Amino acid sequence: YDYRVLPERKLAASSDPFMFTVDDTREARVQQAFQTNPAITDLDTFLADTGTQAFLVIQDDMVIYERYFMGTQRDSIVTSFSVAKSFDSALIGIAIQEGYIHSVEDPITDYIPELAERDVHFQEIQIRHLLMMASGLRYNDDRLILPEDDNLTYLFDDLRHLALTETEVVGSPGKTFVYNNYNPLLLGLAAGLGSTIG
């Protein structure tokens, strides 16, 4: 429930929203697919026991399985945290399709030239390196719950400033996977999303 204290920017609802249709006649197929795993005898019990808040399966623009746990429901507000990374990569794909970004092979400095002005090594980082979490950027992975901890980049009010001043190239891009919050932050800046992706 820390969404109450995190920096936020409210989004206005569309006047013509897309609505998924619902087909609950296929729920049994979803349950059976998961229950082929010997560790899952009942999908709902498994989801509740693993601290899941919401679990949806969508196929062909149709919700075929939808469950909520831990007191949440369809209109509950929660922080997306790393779910935003999936939206980030989808938006990069859309930006490429619409011509705003040429290719995943482009250096990130084509879209954020300020990085190259600070360190020429940023020119070696391609968009695909950021998408693959293999950028070579420094990242603190000790999981300390401190405001200055890199893992809590979402606590900062000015994520653009953080990305442009605190990122540091310490490895060769494309070599090592490191789950790093700076990667999606830079992708969001490259796609013109400002500081909305963290």
Protein backbone atom coordinates (compact mmCIF):
# COMPACT_ATOMS: atom_id res chain seq x y z
CA TYR A 1 0.00 0.00 0.00
CA ASP A 2 2.99 2.32 -0.37
CA TYR A 3 1.34 3.83 -3.45
CA ARG A 4 -0.01 6.35 -0.94
CA VAL A 5 3.45 7.85 -0.37
CA LEU A 6 5.22 7.30 -3.69
CA PRO A 7 5.50 10.12 -6.24
CA GLU A 8 2.68 9.86 -8.74
CA ARG A 9 1.19 11.42 -11.83
CA LYS A 10 -2.52 10.86 -12.27
CA LEU A 11 -3.75 9.58 -15.64
CA ALA A 12 -7.15 10.54 -16.98
CA ALA A 13 -9.44 7.70 -18.02
CA SER A 14 -10.27 7.41 -21.69
CA SER A 15 -13.69 8.60 -22.79
CA ASP A 16 -13.82 5.51 -25.01
CA PRO A 17 -12.06 2.72 -23.09
CA PHE A 18 -11.32 -0.72 -24.50
CA MET A 19 -13.13 -3.41 -22.54
CA PHE A 20 -12.11 -7.06 -22.46
CA THR A 21 -14.95 -9.51 -22.88
CA VAL A 22 -15.29 -12.23 -20.26
CA ASP A 23 -15.67 -15.97 -20.90
CA ASP A 24 -15.66 -17.89 -17.62
CA THR A 25 -16.56 -21.15 -19.37
CA ARG A 26 -12.83 -21.74 -19.96
CA GLU A 27 -11.76 -21.44 -16.31
CA ALA A 28 -11.48 -25.21 -15.92
CA ARG A 29 -8.98 -25.36 -18.81
CA VAL A 30 -6.79 -22.75 -17.10
CA GLN A 31 -6.93 -24.63 -13.79
CA GLN A 32 -6.08 -27.93 -15.49
CA ALA A 33 -3.12 -26.39 -17.32
CA PHE A 34 -1.57 -25.20 -14.05
CA GLN A 35 -2.48 -28.30 -12.11
CA THR A 36 -0.36 -30.47 -14.40
CA ASN A 37 2.40 -29.22 -12.09
CA PRO A 38 2.52 -31.72 -9.17
CA ALA A 39 3.11 -28.84 -6.74
CA ILE A 40 -0.28 -27.30 -7.63
CA THR A 41 -3.28 -29.39 -6.63
CA ASP A 42 -5.70 -26.45 -6.67
CA LEU A 43 -4.87 -23.23 -8.53
CA ASP A 44 -6.88 -20.87 -6.29
CA THR A 45 -5.31 -22.35 -3.15
CA PHE A 46 -1.85 -22.09 -4.69
CA LEU A 47 -2.40 -18.42 -5.61
CA ALA A 48 -3.74 -17.57 -2.15
CA ASP A 49 -0.88 -19.40 -0.41
CA THR A 50 1.77 -17.61 -2.48
CA GLY A 51 0.58 -14.10 -1.58
CA THR A 52 -0.93 -13.33 -4.97
CA GLN A 53 -3.12 -10.23 -5.09
CA ALA A 54 -4.61 -10.65 -8.55
CA PHE A 55 -4.31 -13.28 -11.27
CA LEU A 56 -5.83 -12.93 -14.73
CA VAL A 57 -5.46 -14.96 -17.89
CA ILE A 58 -6.36 -13.11 -21.08
CA GLN A 59 -6.50 -14.75 -24.50
CA ASP A 60 -7.66 -13.13 -27.73
CA ASP A 61 -8.88 -10.01 -25.88
CA MET A 62 -11.00 -12.18 -23.61
CA VAL A 63 -10.64 -12.69 -19.85
CA ILE A 64 -10.85 -16.43 -19.31
CA TYR A 65 -9.70 -16.54 -15.68
CA GLU A 66 -9.88 -13.81 -13.03
CA ARG A 67 -9.26 -14.12 -9.28
CA TYR A 68 -8.40 -11.66 -6.50
CA PHE A 69 -6.86 -12.38 -3.10
CA MET A 70 -5.63 -10.65 0.07
CA GLY A 71 -8.66 -8.38 0.19
CA THR A 72 -8.15 -6.93 -3.28
CA GLN A 73 -10.72 -6.70 -6.05
CA ARG A 74 -10.90 -5.47 -9.63
CA ASP A 75 -10.81 -1.77 -8.71
CA SER A 76 -8.14 -2.00 -5.99
CA ILE A 77 -5.19 0.36 -6.33
CA VAL A 78 -1.73 -1.19 -6.05
CA THR A 79 1.75 -0.16 -7.13
CA SER A 80 2.79 -1.98 -10.28
CA PHE A 81 6.51 -2.13 -9.41
CA SER A 82 8.26 -4.41 -11.93
CA VAL A 83 5.08 -5.07 -13.90
CA ALA A 84 5.88 -1.66 -15.41
CA LYS A 85 8.93 -3.24 -17.07
CA SER A 86 6.66 -5.36 -19.28
CA PHE A 87 4.69 -2.29 -20.33
CA ASP A 88 7.97 -0.50 -20.95
CA SER A 89 9.18 -3.15 -23.41
CA ALA A 90 5.78 -3.22 -25.14
CA LEU A 91 5.91 0.56 -25.57
CA ILE A 92 9.40 0.30 -27.07
CA GLY A 93 7.97 -2.15 -29.63
CA ILE A 94 5.13 0.25 -30.42
CA ALA A 95 7.61 3.15 -30.75
CA ILE A 96 9.62 1.09 -33.25
CA GLN A 97 6.49 0.12 -35.19
CA GLU A 98 5.38 3.77 -35.36
CA GLY A 99 8.84 5.00 -36.36
CA TYR A 100 9.79 6.94 -33.22
CA ILE A 101 12.63 4.49 -32.56
CA HIS A 102 14.44 2.94 -35.52
CA SER A 103 15.69 -0.35 -34.08
CA VAL A 104 16.62 -2.19 -30.90
CA GLU A 105 20.18 -2.01 -32.24
CA ASP A 106 20.23 1.78 -31.81
CA PRO A 107 22.54 3.15 -29.12
CA ILE A 108 20.60 4.60 -26.19
CA THR A 109 22.56 7.82 -26.75
CA ASP A 110 20.66 8.39 -30.02
CA TYR A 111 17.67 9.19 -27.80
CA ILE A 112 19.37 10.40 -24.62
CA PRO A 113 22.49 12.25 -25.89
CA GLU A 114 23.18 13.71 -22.44
CA LEU A 115 24.49 10.30 -21.38
CA ALA A 116 27.28 10.35 -23.98
CA GLU A 117 28.26 13.84 -22.87
CA ARG A 118 28.90 12.45 -19.39
CA ASP A 119 30.57 9.17 -20.44
CA VAL A 120 31.31 8.01 -24.01
CA HIS A 121 30.85 4.37 -22.91
CA PHE A 122 27.08 4.90 -22.93
CA GLN A 123 27.30 4.87 -26.74
CA GLU A 124 28.00 1.12 -26.54
CA ILE A 125 24.67 0.42 -24.83
CA GLN A 126 21.96 -0.49 -27.33
CA ILE A 127 18.25 -0.50 -26.64
CA ARG A 128 18.27 -4.30 -26.81
CA HIS A 129 20.85 -4.41 -23.98
CA LEU A 130 18.46 -2.47 -21.78
CA LEU A 131 15.55 -4.72 -22.78
CA MET A 132 17.63 -7.81 -21.93
CA MET A 133 18.79 -6.39 -18.56
CA ALA A 134 22.37 -6.67 -19.80
CA SER A 135 23.40 -3.03 -20.08
CA GLY A 136 26.57 -3.15 -18.01
CA LEU A 137 25.28 -0.42 -15.71
CA ARG A 138 26.23 -0.42 -12.03
CA TYR A 139 23.47 -1.55 -9.73
CA ASN A 140 23.32 -2.07 -5.99
CA ASP A 141 21.68 -5.42 -5.31
CA ASP A 142 21.93 -5.65 -1.53
CA ARG A 143 18.19 -4.93 -1.15
CA LEU A 144 18.68 -2.53 1.76
CA ILE A 145 15.55 -0.57 2.52
CA LEU A 146 17.17 2.83 2.37
CA PRO A 147 16.11 5.89 0.33
CA GLU A 148 19.50 6.01 -1.40
CA ASP A 149 19.35 2.33 -2.41
CA ASP A 150 19.34 1.87 -6.19
CA ASN A 151 16.60 -0.73 -5.86
CA LEU A 152 14.22 1.95 -4.68
CA THR A 153 14.58 4.30 -7.64
CA TYR A 154 10.81 4.69 -7.63
CA LEU A 155 11.06 6.76 -4.44
CA PHE A 156 12.79 9.63 -6.21
CA ASP A 157 10.71 12.56 -7.42
CA ASP A 158 12.93 13.29 -10.44
CA LEU A 159 13.72 9.98 -12.13
CA ARG A 160 15.13 11.71 -15.22
CA HIS A 161 17.72 13.51 -13.10
CA LEU A 162 18.52 10.25 -11.31
CA ALA A 163 19.02 8.39 -14.59
CA LEU A 164 21.17 11.11 -16.14
CA THR A 165 23.40 11.70 -13.11
CA GLU A 166 23.63 8.42 -11.19
CA THR A 167 23.96 5.77 -13.90
CA GLU A 168 27.46 4.43 -14.42
CA VAL A 169 28.79 1.98 -17.00
CA VAL A 170 30.90 -0.66 -15.22
CA GLY A 171 30.68 -3.65 -17.58
CA SER A 172 30.45 -4.60 -21.23
CA PRO A 173 26.89 -4.34 -22.61
CA GLY A 174 25.32 -7.64 -23.67
CA LYS A 175 27.54 -9.82 -21.47
CA THR A 176 25.86 -10.19 -18.07
CA PHE A 177 22.21 -10.22 -16.97
CA VAL A 178 21.59 -7.96 -13.97
CA TYR A 179 18.04 -7.13 -12.87
CA ASN A 180 18.44 -3.37 -12.83
CA ASN A 181 15.83 -0.63 -12.44
CA TYR A 182 17.93 1.84 -14.45
CA ASN A 183 17.36 -0.20 -17.63
CA PRO A 184 13.58 0.37 -17.89
CA LEU A 185 14.03 3.94 -16.66
CA LEU A 186 16.35 4.70 -19.61
CA LEU A 187 14.01 2.85 -22.00
CA GLY A 188 11.14 5.02 -20.81
CA LEU A 189 13.16 8.18 -21.39
CA ALA A 190 14.18 6.95 -24.86
CA ALA A 191 10.56 6.27 -25.80
CA GLY A 192 9.56 9.76 -24.72
CA LEU A 193 7.75 8.61 -21.60
CA GLY A 194 9.45 11.11 -19.35
CA SER A 195 9.79 9.92 -15.77
CA THR A 196 6.67 7.77 -15.75
CA ILE A 197 8.42 4.40 -15.92
CA GLY A 198 10.48 3.23 -12.99
